[in-house]
């Protein structure tokens, strides 16, 4: 029996989310399909890749090693099938600015891919806040940026959203809200709340809270996503954050579950921004086309 790309994708999703139910939900398939794919994959490689526990799916030592290979295989397939439309002869320097969340949870994989796709392109990367990025793009200090496009309001900048990451409620394992049929902001407002502040997260959250008669009972404001993760996992509060930054385990090894929110909560949009009407250099064009191809966006002339 040979392994398939479908099995690899289902395996990676299960490893990342730590639960078959969450993996299936994010893959938009049935739980039985994920379960069957993982069983077939384990038969093919001849080892157990997961330990099944009441808390979820935990990678075995062999599973962690296999995960590294799975990432590499899927990246190679992605490059071979989608990312070969721009010449690899592009050379020179590109100055890119990115915000904290983008640097930590989105960009490194793509920078590594571009380094292999365009070995003669030098990407100079800076981590700065949105205000600094806006000023730097307008003054030509940065060529292009990767940031939360949902935070950009400056009409002198053009944005292109690559993905929209759904925001869900984070709760500790066995929290009482996990047993409810529906959870809205009214129920969340009754819980102690951990408010993330980095990348204007607090401002973004208060915008959707302000449209309701409820307000979060903020126990802690912090710029650290890991602090939010640990506080939630240790039953000290709940939080609303995007799937992009969710990980199923805290640093202490405690479980973090997610719950769909019934009330309207906008997703976190991630994408590119550049100075409006700017003339794209070959380096900027290669950078933008990479992301268009990686996320299946239609190519347009800059």
Protein backbone atom coordinates (compact mmCIF):
# COMPACT_ATOMS: atom_id res chain seq x y z
CA UNK A 1 0.00 0.00 0.00
CA UNK A 2 1.41 3.43 -0.99
CA UNK A 3 0.81 6.67 0.86
CA UNK A 4 -1.15 9.51 -0.74
CA UNK A 5 -1.03 13.29 -0.54
CA UNK A 6 -4.53 13.20 0.93
CA UNK A 7 -3.28 11.03 3.79
CA UNK A 8 -0.38 13.40 4.40
CA UNK A 9 -2.66 16.44 4.51
CA UNK A 10 -5.07 14.74 6.91
CA UNK A 11 -2.15 13.61 9.08
CA UNK A 12 -0.66 17.13 9.22
CA UNK A 13 -4.02 18.69 10.10
CA UNK A 14 -4.55 16.18 12.91
CA UNK A 15 -1.04 16.75 14.24
CA UNK A 16 -1.52 20.53 14.22
CA UNK A 17 -4.99 20.59 15.77
CA UNK A 18 -4.51 17.64 18.10
CA UNK A 19 -8.03 16.35 17.52
CA UNK A 20 -9.63 14.51 14.63
CA UNK A 21 -12.83 16.55 15.04
CA UNK A 22 -10.99 19.87 14.65
CA UNK A 23 -8.91 18.57 11.75
CA UNK A 24 -12.06 17.37 9.98
CA UNK A 25 -13.82 20.68 10.59
CA UNK A 26 -10.94 22.70 9.14
CA UNK A 27 -10.59 20.31 6.18
CA UNK A 28 -14.38 20.41 5.59
CA UNK A 29 -14.60 16.60 5.57
CA UNK A 30 -16.02 13.91 7.85
CA UNK A 31 -14.23 12.68 10.96
CA UNK A 32 -14.45 9.12 9.64
CA UNK A 33 -12.47 10.12 6.54
CA UNK A 34 -9.66 11.52 8.69
CA UNK A 35 -9.68 8.47 10.97
CA UNK A 36 -9.53 6.06 8.04
CA UNK A 37 -6.73 8.00 6.33
CA UNK A 38 -4.58 7.99 9.47
CA UNK A 39 -5.12 4.26 10.04
CA UNK A 40 -4.15 3.53 6.43
CA UNK A 41 -1.10 5.77 6.75
CA UNK A 42 0.05 3.98 9.91
CA UNK A 43 -0.33 0.63 8.13
CA UNK A 44 1.74 1.95 5.21
CA UNK A 45 4.64 3.27 7.31
CA UNK A 46 4.42 0.38 9.78
CA UNK A 47 4.46 2.44 12.99
CA UNK A 48 1.98 4.20 15.26
CA UNK A 49 2.03 7.91 14.50
CA UNK A 50 -0.38 8.97 17.27
CA UNK A 51 -1.21 7.99 20.80
CA UNK A 52 -5.00 8.13 21.22
CA UNK A 53 -5.82 9.77 24.57
CA UNK A 54 -9.00 11.19 26.15
CA UNK A 55 -7.57 14.66 25.45
CA UNK A 56 -6.94 14.02 21.77
CA UNK A 57 -4.29 12.78 19.36
CA UNK A 58 -0.69 13.00 20.61
CA UNK A 59 2.19 12.45 18.22
CA UNK A 60 4.50 9.56 19.03
CA UNK A 61 8.26 9.94 18.59
CA UNK A 62 7.87 8.34 15.15
CA UNK A 63 4.95 10.66 14.45
CA UNK A 64 7.03 13.75 15.18
CA UNK A 65 9.73 12.51 12.84
CA UNK A 66 7.17 11.69 10.15
CA UNK A 67 5.58 15.14 10.52
CA UNK A 68 8.87 16.75 9.48
CA UNK A 69 8.94 14.61 6.33
CA UNK A 70 5.27 15.32 5.62
CA UNK A 71 5.83 19.09 5.75
CA UNK A 72 8.75 18.75 3.35
CA UNK A 73 6.85 16.54 0.89
CA UNK A 74 3.79 18.80 0.82
CA UNK A 75 5.97 21.89 0.37
CA UNK A 76 7.77 20.29 -2.58
CA UNK A 77 4.48 19.27 -4.21
CA UNK A 78 3.11 22.78 -3.68
CA UNK A 79 6.13 24.32 -5.36
CA UNK A 80 6.03 21.87 -8.25
CA UNK A 81 2.35 22.40 -9.01
CA UNK A 82 1.68 26.06 -8.23
CA UNK A 83 4.81 28.11 -7.77
CA UNK A 84 6.68 27.78 -11.05
CA UNK A 85 5.13 30.62 -13.04
CA UNK A 86 7.67 33.30 -12.13
CA UNK A 87 11.24 33.13 -13.37
CA UNK A 88 13.77 31.97 -10.78
CA UNK A 89 16.30 34.38 -12.36
CA UNK A 90 14.93 37.27 -10.28
CA UNK A 91 17.79 38.92 -8.40
CA UNK A 92 18.43 41.99 -6.26
CA UNK A 93 17.08 43.13 -2.90
CA UNK A 94 13.51 43.45 -1.65
CA UNK A 95 12.77 45.27 1.62
CA UNK A 96 9.76 43.74 3.35
CA UNK A 97 8.06 44.90 6.54
CA UNK A 98 5.82 42.63 8.61
CA UNK A 99 3.97 42.80 11.90
CA UNK A 100 4.53 40.62 14.99
CA UNK A 101 1.72 38.13 14.38
CA UNK A 102 2.64 37.68 10.72
CA UNK A 103 6.32 37.13 11.54
CA UNK A 104 5.51 34.61 14.25
CA UNK A 105 2.71 32.57 12.70
CA UNK A 106 2.64 33.05 8.94
CA UNK A 107 5.66 34.38 7.09
CA UNK A 108 8.73 32.19 7.87
CA UNK A 109 7.52 29.18 5.83
CA UNK A 110 6.92 31.40 2.79
CA UNK A 111 10.25 33.21 3.10
CA UNK A 112 12.00 29.83 3.20
CA UNK A 113 10.15 28.70 0.07
CA UNK A 114 10.98 31.91 -1.77
CA UNK A 115 14.63 31.56 -0.83
CA UNK A 116 14.66 28.22 -2.64
CA UNK A 117 12.54 29.44 -5.55
CA UNK A 118 14.55 32.65 -6.05
CA UNK A 119 18.08 31.96 -4.77
CA UNK A 120 19.38 35.29 -6.12
CA UNK A 121 16.67 37.39 -4.48
CA UNK A 122 17.74 38.92 -1.15
CA UNK A 123 14.78 39.63 1.13
CA UNK A 124 15.53 42.14 3.88
CA UNK A 125 12.86 41.60 6.53
CA UNK A 126 11.81 44.02 9.29
CA UNK A 127 9.35 43.44 12.14
CA UNK A 128 7.53 46.69 12.95
CA UNK A 129 4.03 47.83 13.91
CA UNK A 130 1.28 48.89 11.51
CA UNK A 131 1.85 52.63 11.93
CA UNK A 132 5.55 52.26 11.13
CA UNK A 133 4.74 50.10 8.12
CA UNK A 134 2.30 52.64 6.73
CA UNK A 135 4.80 55.47 7.12
CA UNK A 136 7.62 53.35 5.70
CA UNK A 137 5.65 52.32 2.61
CA UNK A 138 4.66 55.91 1.87
CA UNK A 139 8.26 57.12 2.30
CA UNK A 140 9.67 54.23 0.20
CA UNK A 141 11.63 52.84 3.15
CA UNK A 142 9.88 49.51 2.58
CA UNK A 143 8.99 48.05 -0.81
CA UNK A 144 6.05 45.92 0.31
CA UNK A 145 4.59 44.56 3.55
CA UNK A 146 2.82 41.51 4.97
CA UNK A 147 0.42 42.37 7.76
CA UNK A 148 -3.15 42.22 9.03
CA UNK A 149 -4.92 43.90 6.13
CA UNK A 150 -8.10 44.21 8.22
CA UNK A 151 -6.26 46.92 10.23
CA UNK A 152 -5.30 49.08 7.22
CA UNK A 153 -7.44 52.16 6.62
CA UNK A 154 -4.99 54.49 4.85
CA UNK A 155 -6.39 55.32 1.37
CA UNK A 156 -2.85 55.91 0.09
CA UNK A 157 -2.09 52.19 0.45
CA UNK A 158 -3.32 49.27 -1.61
CA UNK A 159 -3.99 45.95 0.11
CA UNK A 160 -4.51 42.39 -1.09
CA UNK A 161 -5.90 39.86 1.37
CA UNK A 162 -4.40 36.35 1.14
CA UNK A 163 -6.36 34.52 3.81
CA UNK A 164 -9.07 35.12 6.37
CA UNK A 165 -8.44 33.28 9.63
CA UNK A 166 -11.62 32.52 11.60
CA UNK A 167 -11.76 33.76 15.19
CA UNK A 168 -13.06 31.27 17.77
CA UNK A 169 -13.37 31.09 21.54
CA UNK A 170 -10.42 29.46 23.33
CA UNK A 171 -11.26 27.51 26.48
CA UNK A 172 -9.45 24.96 28.66
CA UNK A 173 -10.21 21.25 28.37
CA UNK A 174 -13.53 20.23 29.97
CA UNK A 175 -14.73 23.83 30.27
CA UNK A 176 -18.49 24.11 30.82
CA UNK A 177 -18.97 26.04 27.54
CA UNK A 178 -17.84 22.95 25.62
CA UNK A 179 -21.07 21.23 26.71
CA UNK A 180 -23.39 23.96 25.39
CA UNK A 181 -25.17 23.70 22.06
CA UNK A 182 -24.46 27.34 21.26
CA UNK A 183 -22.08 29.97 22.62
CA UNK A 184 -22.41 33.68 21.97
CA UNK A 185 -20.86 36.85 23.32
CA UNK A 186 -23.44 36.92 26.13
CA UNK A 187 -22.13 33.62 27.53
CA UNK A 188 -18.50 34.65 26.95
CA UNK A 189 -19.08 37.92 28.84
CA UNK A 190 -19.81 35.88 31.97
CA UNK A 191 -16.29 34.39 31.96
CA UNK A 192 -12.98 36.02 32.99
CA UNK A 193 -11.37 37.18 29.75
CA UNK A 194 -7.73 37.30 28.64
CA UNK A 195 -7.27 40.22 26.23
CA UNK A 196 -4.43 40.09 23.69
CA UNK A 197 -3.11 43.54 22.80
CA UNK A 198 -0.40 42.91 20.19
CA UNK A 199 -1.10 43.97 16.57
CA UNK A 200 -4.11 45.99 17.72
CA UNK A 201 -5.92 42.83 18.79
CA UNK A 202 -7.64 44.62 21.67
CA UNK A 203 -8.92 47.36 19.36
CA UNK A 204 -10.17 44.78 16.86
CA UNK A 205 -12.01 42.80 19.53
CA UNK A 206 -13.64 45.84 21.10
CA UNK A 207 -15.10 46.74 17.70
CA UNK A 208 -17.27 43.64 17.62
CA UNK A 209 -17.99 43.71 21.34
CA UNK A 210 -19.17 47.33 21.06
CA UNK A 211 -21.98 46.27 18.74
CA UNK A 212 -23.57 44.25 21.55
CA UNK A 213 -24.90 45.05 25.05
CA UNK A 214 -22.11 42.89 26.51
CA UNK A 215 -18.52 43.60 27.50
CA UNK A 216 -15.72 41.14 28.34
CA UNK A 217 -14.64 40.89 31.98
CA UNK A 218 -10.95 41.45 31.29
CA UNK A 219 -8.72 39.72 33.82
CA UNK A 220 -5.44 40.38 31.99
CA UNK A 221 -4.23 42.43 29.04
CA UNK A 222 -1.05 41.05 27.50
CA UNK A 223 1.00 41.38 24.32
CA UNK A 224 2.09 37.73 24.59
CA UNK A 225 0.13 35.08 22.70
CA UNK A 226 1.91 32.42 24.77
CA UNK A 227 0.67 34.13 27.94
CA UNK A 228 -2.89 33.97 26.61
CA UNK A 229 -2.38 30.30 25.75
CA UNK A 230 -1.09 29.46 29.24
CA UNK A 231 -3.74 31.48 31.06
CA UNK A 232 -6.53 29.79 29.11
CA UNK A 233 -5.05 26.29 29.41
CA UNK A 234 -4.74 26.74 33.18
CA UNK A 235 -8.43 27.68 33.53
CA UNK A 236 -7.76 31.32 34.41
CA UNK A 237 -9.88 32.78 31.63
CA UNK A 238 -11.07 32.50 28.03
CA UNK A 239 -10.08 34.39 24.88
CA UNK A 240 -11.22 34.97 21.32
CA UNK A 241 -8.38 34.56 18.84
CA UNK A 242 -7.87 33.39 15.28
CA UNK A 243 -7.21 29.86 14.07
CA UNK A 244 -3.88 31.01 12.62
CA UNK A 245 -2.36 31.47 16.09
CA UNK A 246 -4.16 28.56 17.78
CA UNK A 247 -2.13 25.63 19.03
CA UNK A 248 -3.83 22.82 21.00
CA UNK A 249 -1.28 22.75 23.84
CA UNK A 250 0.17 25.32 26.22
CA UNK A 251 3.84 25.42 27.17
CA UNK A 252 2.91 23.37 30.25
CA UNK A 253 1.36 20.68 28.06
CA UNK A 254 -2.24 21.53 28.94
CA UNK A 255 -5.04 21.35 26.40
CA UNK A 256 -6.72 24.34 24.70
CA UNK A 257 -10.03 23.75 22.93
CA UNK A 258 -11.85 26.03 20.49
CA UNK A 259 -15.57 26.79 20.28
CA UNK A 260 -17.49 28.33 17.38
CA UNK A 261 -19.12 31.67 18.25
CA UNK A 262 -22.72 32.24 17.21
CA UNK A 263 -22.52 36.04 17.12
CA UNK A 264 -20.81 37.82 14.19
CA UNK A 265 -17.07 37.98 14.85
CA UNK A 266 -14.98 39.09 11.84
CA UNK A 267 -12.01 36.95 10.77
CA UNK A 268 -8.41 38.11 10.96
CA UNK A 269 -7.35 39.03 7.42
CA UNK A 270 -3.71 38.56 6.44
CA UNK A 271 -2.22 39.92 3.25
CA UNK A 272 0.01 42.36 1.39
CA UNK A 273 0.13 46.14 1.32
CA UNK A 274 2.04 48.61 -0.83
CA UNK A 275 1.95 52.28 -1.77
CA UNK A 276 -0.98 52.96 -4.07
CA UNK A 277 -0.06 53.52 -7.73
CA UNK A 278 3.54 52.47 -7.10
CA UNK A 279 5.42 50.91 -10.00
CA UNK A 280 6.23 47.29 -9.20
CA UNK A 281 9.88 46.29 -9.48
CA UNK A 282 10.66 42.76 -10.72
CA UNK A 283 11.41 41.81 -7.10
CA UNK A 284 8.04 43.13 -5.86
CA UNK A 285 6.25 41.41 -8.72
CA UNK A 286 7.90 38.05 -7.92
CA UNK A 287 6.97 38.44 -4.23
CA UNK A 288 3.34 39.26 -4.98
CA UNK A 289 2.96 36.57 -7.64
CA UNK A 290 4.37 33.98 -5.24
CA UNK A 291 1.56 34.67 -2.78
CA UNK A 292 -1.07 34.87 -5.51
CA UNK A 293 -0.08 31.40 -6.66
CA UNK A 294 0.33 30.01 -3.14
CA UNK A 295 -3.19 31.08 -2.16
CA UNK A 296 -4.91 30.57 -5.49
CA UNK A 297 -5.58 34.24 -6.18
CA UNK A 298 -6.07 35.44 -9.76
CA UNK A 299 -2.96 37.09 -11.18
CA UNK A 300 -3.31 40.74 -12.02
CA UNK A 301 -1.02 43.38 -13.40
CA UNK A 302 0.49 45.59 -10.71
